[in-house]
Amino acid sequence: MTGDLPVLYLVIPCYNEEEILLDSAQKLKVKLKELQEAKKISSRSKICFVNDGSRDKTWSMIKELSSQEPEIYSGICLAHNQGHQNALTAGLLTVKDICDVTISLDADLQDDINAIDAMVDKYNNEGCNIVYGVRNNRDSDTFFKRFTAELFYKLMSFMGAKIIFNHADFRLMDRSALDIFAQYQEVNLFLRGIVPMIGLKNDCVYYERKERLAGESKYPLPKMLAFAWQGITSMSTKPIRFISAIGVIIAMFSIVILLYSLVSHYSGNTIVGWTSIMASVWFIGGLNIFAIGVIGEYIGKIYLESKHRPRFAISEFIDQNKDCE
């Protein structure tokens, strides 16, 4: 696009990040300047903040940054809160035609921005289309979070979803990867599972994740569980197959119970224990409700996909580069 040096856009989804936005913006600016001075990226490279319907001053702060230093900062404002995955998708697809490569990361900068250098090197020197930022350890996490995170990745792998262990949404994607990604039109997004499906040449960069400096995490336990369930049901149909398998097992078990009942009848023991009956009724009833719930989840996703609703709506896009194309 601009000769030998690629135009890099750092895409940062933001939701109520007024406490840390200015600090993060300054640190990212320093990193961008370092890469430009090292002749690794073009002088037209930018930091693009995506406001995901924030209720605080996040968008006004982004507009102010873009107004003061339009050569560094740009901003995208979604019409309303769409969720992290949709906000990130909105940012990537909006800038893909005005840049050569993107790197996505969270606004709290818990992902080590020094790993960006290695990502860019793998793109420039090795021709990687996708570079994943991968945590080298989880020592900073609590035991519970570390245990549940590892369980999630193993469960996703068992379910047949190809995801990168200990990788979140800190990744580099060039225009070739973004063009393919744009062809994935599903509403139920799980980028950690979709991006590996793109293929192309890819590699990993390892880093140590930091503590959040200010503000609250946007992924408390309920949201983490909901996100995990979204990932499983978006990327795999194995839960439905498990229900079928459980149904077969219960059907076989019921034959054993039938034989037991017949033996009891002909031996004169016609009164079977009340406890075993109640346990069986509650167990089968609970299993049926659970099975209906899982199947209903998939039917709900089919319903949402069939509507073909847009995944995001952009109310404003501030970027001087878009007028130069």
Protein backbone atom coordinates (compact mmCIF):
# COMPACT_ATOMS: atom_id res chain seq x y z
CA MET A 1 0.00 0.00 0.00
CA THR A 2 2.79 2.45 0.90
CA GLY A 3 5.85 0.85 -0.60
CA ASP A 4 8.04 -1.39 1.53
CA LEU A 5 6.68 -0.41 4.95
CA PRO A 6 3.30 -1.85 5.97
CA VAL A 7 0.52 0.28 7.42
CA LEU A 8 -0.28 -1.16 10.86
CA TYR A 9 -3.49 -0.51 12.76
CA LEU A 10 -3.74 -1.38 16.45
CA VAL A 11 -7.43 -2.21 17.02
CA ILE A 12 -8.55 -1.68 20.62
CA PRO A 13 -12.15 -2.49 21.69
CA CYS A 14 -13.25 -0.24 24.57
CA TYR A 15 -16.17 -0.45 26.96
CA ASN A 16 -16.28 2.02 29.86
CA GLU A 17 -12.51 2.47 29.86
CA GLU A 18 -12.23 6.13 30.89
CA GLU A 19 -10.01 5.26 33.87
CA ILE A 20 -7.25 3.73 31.78
CA LEU A 21 -7.79 5.05 28.25
CA LEU A 22 -5.38 7.99 28.33
CA ASP A 23 -2.61 5.96 29.95
CA SER A 24 -3.07 3.14 27.44
CA ALA A 25 -3.19 5.60 24.54
CA GLN A 26 0.11 7.16 25.58
CA LYS A 27 1.86 3.81 25.95
CA LEU A 28 0.58 2.61 22.58
CA LYS A 29 1.68 5.88 20.98
CA VAL A 30 5.23 5.37 22.28
CA LYS A 31 5.25 1.81 20.94
CA LEU A 32 3.94 2.94 17.54
CA LYS A 33 6.64 5.62 17.31
CA GLU A 34 9.33 3.07 18.20
CA LEU A 35 8.20 0.79 15.39
CA GLN A 36 8.10 3.69 12.93
CA GLU A 37 11.58 4.91 13.91
CA ALA A 38 12.88 1.36 13.50
CA LYS A 39 11.49 1.37 9.95
CA LYS A 40 9.25 -1.61 10.66
CA ILE A 41 5.93 0.08 9.87
CA SER A 42 4.67 3.02 7.83
CA SER A 43 4.24 6.53 9.23
CA ARG A 44 0.53 6.16 8.34
CA SER A 45 0.10 3.47 10.99
CA LYS A 46 -2.46 4.24 13.68
CA ILE A 47 -4.14 3.31 16.92
CA CYS A 48 -7.85 2.69 16.37
CA PHE A 49 -10.11 2.64 19.43
CA VAL A 50 -13.52 0.99 19.03
CA ASN A 51 -16.12 2.36 21.43
CA ASP A 52 -18.56 -0.46 22.24
CA GLY A 53 -21.49 1.63 23.45
CA SER A 54 -19.71 2.89 26.57
CA ARG A 55 -21.83 4.74 29.14
CA ASP A 56 -18.96 6.84 30.48
CA LYS A 57 -16.67 9.39 28.78
CA THR A 58 -14.79 6.82 26.69
CA TRP A 59 -16.03 8.04 23.30
CA SER A 60 -15.56 11.74 24.07
CA MET A 61 -11.98 10.94 25.12
CA ILE A 62 -11.38 8.99 21.90
CA LYS A 63 -12.72 11.92 19.85
CA GLU A 64 -10.45 14.29 21.72
CA LEU A 65 -7.40 12.12 21.07
CA SER A 66 -8.29 11.83 17.39
CA SER A 67 -8.75 15.60 17.16
CA GLN A 68 -5.46 16.46 18.89
CA GLU A 69 -3.31 13.90 17.06
CA PRO A 70 -5.18 12.63 13.98
CA GLU A 71 -1.95 11.19 12.59
CA ILE A 72 -1.79 8.79 15.55
CA TYR A 73 -5.32 8.09 16.75
CA SER A 74 -8.57 7.12 15.06
CA GLY A 75 -11.91 6.07 16.46
CA ILE A 76 -14.94 3.95 15.68
CA CYS A 77 -18.17 4.39 17.63
CA LEU A 78 -20.75 1.60 17.56
CA ALA A 79 -24.39 2.63 17.66
CA HIS A 80 -24.91 0.58 20.82
CA ASN A 81 -23.21 -2.06 22.92
CA GLN A 82 -22.56 -5.13 20.76
CA GLY A 83 -20.22 -7.15 22.98
CA HIS A 84 -16.45 -7.56 22.83
CA GLN A 85 -16.34 -10.03 19.93
CA ASN A 86 -18.60 -7.93 17.71
CA ALA A 87 -16.77 -4.73 18.62
CA LEU A 88 -13.45 -6.31 17.72
CA THR A 89 -14.90 -7.62 14.46
CA ALA A 90 -16.27 -4.16 13.66
CA GLY A 91 -12.84 -2.64 14.15
CA LEU A 92 -11.00 -5.23 12.06
CA LEU A 93 -13.43 -5.16 9.14
CA THR A 94 -13.68 -1.36 9.14
CA VAL A 95 -9.93 -0.75 8.85
CA LYS A 96 -8.95 -3.75 6.73
CA ASP A 97 -9.10 -1.79 3.47
CA ILE A 98 -6.97 1.12 4.70
CA CYS A 99 -4.13 -0.87 6.24
CA ASP A 100 -1.88 -3.82 5.49
CA VAL A 101 -1.91 -5.48 8.88
CA THR A 102 -3.79 -5.24 12.18
CA ILE A 103 -2.98 -6.18 15.75
CA SER A 104 -5.88 -6.50 18.18
CA LEU A 105 -5.50 -6.18 21.95
CA ASP A 106 -7.52 -5.13 24.98
CA ALA A 107 -7.59 -1.55 26.26
CA ASP A 108 -6.24 -2.49 29.69
CA LEU A 109 -2.89 -3.49 28.10
CA GLN A 110 -2.56 -6.59 30.24
CA ASP A 111 -1.19 -8.12 27.05
CA ASP A 112 2.46 -7.11 26.81
CA ILE A 113 2.75 -4.48 24.06
CA ASN A 114 6.46 -5.28 23.73
CA ALA A 115 5.36 -8.51 22.05
CA ILE A 116 4.10 -6.35 19.17
CA ASP A 117 7.69 -6.01 17.92
CA ALA A 118 8.07 -9.76 17.53
CA MET A 119 4.66 -9.99 15.84
CA VAL A 120 5.60 -7.36 13.28
CA ASP A 121 8.95 -9.06 12.69
CA LYS A 122 7.21 -12.35 11.94
CA TYR A 123 4.99 -10.54 9.44
CA ASN A 124 7.81 -8.55 7.82
CA ASN A 125 10.59 -11.14 7.85
CA GLU A 126 8.80 -14.50 7.79
CA GLY A 127 5.67 -13.65 5.83
CA CYS A 128 3.24 -14.78 8.53
CA ASN A 129 -0.37 -13.87 7.82
CA ILE A 130 -1.49 -14.50 11.40
CA VAL A 131 0.56 -14.26 14.60
CA TYR A 132 -0.98 -15.33 17.90
CA GLY A 133 -0.02 -13.71 21.20
CA VAL A 134 0.17 -16.58 23.69
CA ARG A 135 0.63 -16.36 27.44
CA ASN A 136 3.72 -18.22 28.59
CA ASN A 137 2.24 -18.86 32.04
CA ARG A 138 -0.71 -18.10 34.31
CA ASP A 139 1.21 -17.39 37.51
CA SER A 140 -0.61 -14.09 38.01
CA ASP A 141 -4.03 -15.80 38.04
CA THR A 142 -5.77 -17.23 41.06
CA PHE A 143 -5.86 -21.00 41.37
CA PHE A 144 -9.56 -21.02 40.49
CA LYS A 145 -9.11 -18.91 37.35
CA ARG A 146 -6.07 -20.90 36.26
CA PHE A 147 -7.90 -24.20 36.77
CA THR A 148 -11.08 -23.10 34.98
CA ALA A 149 -9.11 -21.56 32.08
CA GLU A 150 -7.11 -24.73 31.49
CA LEU A 151 -10.30 -26.78 31.79
CA PHE A 152 -11.95 -24.54 29.19
CA TYR A 153 -9.15 -24.96 26.63
CA LYS A 154 -9.04 -28.72 27.14
CA LEU A 155 -12.82 -28.96 26.89
CA MET A 156 -12.85 -26.91 23.69
CA SER A 157 -10.18 -29.17 22.20
CA PHE A 158 -12.14 -32.25 23.25
CA MET A 159 -15.24 -30.76 21.60
CA GLY A 160 -13.36 -30.54 18.32
CA ALA A 161 -12.76 -26.77 18.23
CA LYS A 162 -9.26 -25.87 17.08
CA ILE A 163 -8.09 -23.10 19.39
CA ILE A 164 -4.67 -21.92 20.51
CA PHE A 165 -3.94 -22.83 24.13
CA ASN A 166 -3.62 -19.73 26.38
CA HIS A 167 -4.43 -17.36 23.51
CA ALA A 168 -7.16 -14.74 23.84
CA ASP A 169 -7.64 -11.96 21.27
CA PHE A 170 -4.10 -10.56 21.12
CA ARG A 171 -3.17 -11.36 17.53
CA LEU A 172 -1.80 -10.02 14.28
CA MET A 173 -3.80 -10.48 11.07
CA ASP A 174 -2.76 -9.18 7.66
CA ARG A 175 -5.12 -8.16 4.88
CA SER A 176 -5.16 -11.64 3.31
CA ALA A 177 -6.34 -13.14 6.61
CA LEU A 178 -8.87 -10.34 7.13
CA ASP A 179 -10.31 -10.81 3.63
CA ILE A 180 -10.95 -14.48 4.41
CA PHE A 181 -12.28 -13.62 7.87
CA ALA A 182 -14.77 -11.20 6.27
CA GLN A 183 -16.35 -14.19 4.50
CA TYR A 184 -17.37 -15.73 7.84
CA GLN A 185 -20.84 -14.28 8.23
CA GLU A 186 -22.12 -15.99 11.39
CA VAL A 187 -23.75 -13.85 14.05
CA ASN A 188 -22.57 -16.04 16.94
CA LEU A 189 -18.92 -15.04 16.94
CA PHE A 190 -16.11 -16.82 18.73
CA LEU A 191 -12.95 -15.38 17.20
CA ARG A 192 -10.58 -17.67 19.09
CA GLY A 193 -12.13 -20.56 17.21
CA ILE A 194 -12.79 -18.85 13.88
CA VAL A 195 -9.33 -17.37 13.24
CA PRO A 196 -7.48 -20.73 13.37
CA MET A 197 -9.95 -22.00 10.76
CA ILE A 198 -8.62 -19.39 8.31
CA GLY A 199 -5.37 -21.28 7.92
CA LEU A 200 -2.62 -19.43 6.02
CA LYS A 201 0.89 -19.09 7.43
CA ASN A 202 0.81 -18.53 11.17
CA ASP A 203 3.06 -18.55 14.21
CA CYS A 204 3.02 -17.67 17.92
CA VAL A 205 4.71 -15.06 20.09
CA TYR A 206 4.91 -15.75 23.82
CA TYR A 207 4.59 -13.09 26.52
CA GLU A 208 3.82 -12.59 30.20
CA ARG A 209 0.41 -11.12 30.99
CA LYS A 210 0.32 -8.23 33.44
CA GLU A 211 -2.12 -7.17 36.15
CA ARG A 212 -4.85 -4.68 35.22
CA LEU A 213 -3.71 -1.17 36.30
CA ALA A 214 -7.14 0.37 36.94
CA GLY A 215 -10.84 -0.17 36.45
CA GLU A 216 -12.74 -3.42 36.71
CA SER A 217 -12.38 -6.53 34.59
CA LYS A 218 -15.00 -6.75 31.85
CA TYR A 219 -15.03 -10.53 32.26
CA PRO A 220 -16.25 -11.49 35.75
CA LEU A 221 -17.06 -15.15 36.40
CA PRO A 222 -20.66 -15.08 34.99
CA LYS A 223 -19.44 -13.49 31.75
CA MET A 224 -16.54 -15.94 31.52
CA LEU A 225 -18.95 -18.88 31.86
CA ALA A 226 -21.30 -17.37 29.28
CA PHE A 227 -18.35 -16.79 26.92
CA ALA A 228 -17.19 -20.39 27.37
CA TRP A 229 -20.68 -21.70 26.62
CA GLN A 230 -20.86 -19.41 23.57
CA GLY A 231 -17.57 -20.83 22.33
CA ILE A 232 -18.59 -24.46 22.81
CA THR A 233 -22.00 -24.15 21.16
CA SER A 234 -20.69 -21.92 18.35
CA MET A 235 -17.83 -24.17 17.34
CA SER A 236 -19.04 -27.72 18.00
CA THR A 237 -22.13 -29.95 17.76
CA LYS A 238 -20.67 -32.55 20.08
CA PRO A 239 -22.96 -31.64 23.03
CA ILE A 240 -25.94 -32.82 20.96
CA ARG A 241 -24.08 -36.02 20.13
CA PHE A 242 -23.35 -36.55 23.81
CA ILE A 243 -27.05 -36.26 24.55
CA SER A 244 -27.75 -38.94 21.95
CA ALA A 245 -25.09 -41.17 23.50
CA ILE A 246 -26.51 -40.63 26.99
CA GLY A 247 -29.96 -41.50 25.64
CA VAL A 248 -28.65 -44.81 24.27
CA ILE A 249 -26.93 -45.60 27.58
CA ILE A 250 -30.10 -44.87 29.55
CA ALA A 251 -32.15 -46.98 27.13
CA MET A 252 -29.77 -49.90 27.70
CA PHE A 253 -29.91 -49.32 31.44
CA SER A 254 -33.71 -49.33 31.30
CA ILE A 255 -33.57 -52.84 29.80
CA VAL A 256 -31.59 -53.96 32.84
CA ILE A 257 -34.21 -52.35 35.10
CA LEU A 258 -36.98 -54.12 33.14
CA LEU A 259 -35.29 -57.49 33.62
CA TYR A 260 -34.85 -56.73 37.30
CA SER A 261 -38.54 -55.85 37.60
CA LEU A 262 -39.59 -59.07 35.87
CA VAL A 263 -37.40 -61.17 38.12
CA SER A 264 -38.80 -59.35 41.15
CA HIS A 265 -42.36 -59.93 39.93
CA TYR A 266 -42.00 -63.68 39.37
CA SER A 267 -40.12 -64.14 42.61
CA GLY A 268 -42.95 -62.52 44.56
CA ASN A 269 -41.16 -59.28 45.40
CA THR A 270 -43.61 -57.00 43.65
CA ILE A 271 -43.03 -53.93 45.81
CA VAL A 272 -39.92 -52.16 44.59
CA GLY A 273 -38.28 -49.57 46.81
CA TRP A 274 -39.84 -46.11 46.76
CA THR A 275 -36.39 -44.45 46.97
CA SER A 276 -35.13 -46.08 43.77
CA ILE A 277 -38.28 -45.02 41.90
CA MET A 278 -38.05 -41.42 43.05
CA ALA A 279 -34.33 -41.25 42.26
CA SER A 280 -34.96 -42.60 38.78
CA VAL A 281 -37.80 -40.15 38.12
CA TRP A 282 -35.81 -37.14 39.26
CA PHE A 283 -32.69 -38.22 37.38
CA ILE A 284 -34.47 -38.87 34.10
CA GLY A 285 -36.56 -35.71 34.49
CA GLY A 286 -33.49 -33.56 35.11
CA LEU A 287 -31.65 -35.17 32.22
CA ASN A 288 -34.57 -34.50 29.89
CA ILE A 289 -34.72 -30.83 30.88
CA PHE A 290 -30.96 -30.48 30.40
CA ALA A 291 -31.14 -32.16 26.99
CA ILE A 292 -34.01 -29.92 25.91
CA GLY A 293 -32.01 -26.89 27.07
CA VAL A 294 -28.92 -27.83 25.05
CA ILE A 295 -30.96 -28.54 21.93
CA GLY A 296 -32.86 -25.30 22.50
CA GLU A 297 -29.55 -23.42 22.61
CA TYR A 298 -28.67 -24.68 19.15
CA ILE A 299 -32.16 -23.95 17.83
CA GLY A 300 -31.83 -20.42 19.22
CA LYS A 301 -28.55 -19.95 17.38
CA ILE A 302 -30.12 -21.19 14.15
CA TYR A 303 -32.95 -18.69 14.72
CA LEU A 304 -30.51 -15.81 15.16
CA GLU A 305 -28.45 -16.81 12.12
CA SER A 306 -31.56 -17.10 9.94
CA LYS A 307 -32.45 -13.45 10.56
CA HIS A 308 -29.25 -12.24 8.85
CA ARG A 309 -29.07 -9.25 11.15
CA PRO A 310 -25.90 -7.09 11.00
CA ARG A 311 -23.33 -7.97 13.64
CA PHE A 312 -22.61 -4.33 14.38
CA ALA A 313 -23.73 -0.82 13.45
CA ILE A 314 -21.22 2.02 13.23
CA SER A 315 -22.47 5.49 14.06
CA GLU A 316 -19.18 7.31 13.53
CA PHE A 317 -15.73 6.60 12.10
CA ILE A 318 -12.97 9.17 12.63
CA ASP A 319 -9.86 8.56 10.54
CA GLN A 320 -8.05 10.83 8.12
CA ASN A 321 -6.55 7.85 6.22
CA LYS A 322 -9.99 6.70 5.02
CA ASP A 323 -10.30 9.89 2.98
CA CYS A 324 -6.97 9.24 1.25
CA GLU A 325 -7.90 5.89 -0.30
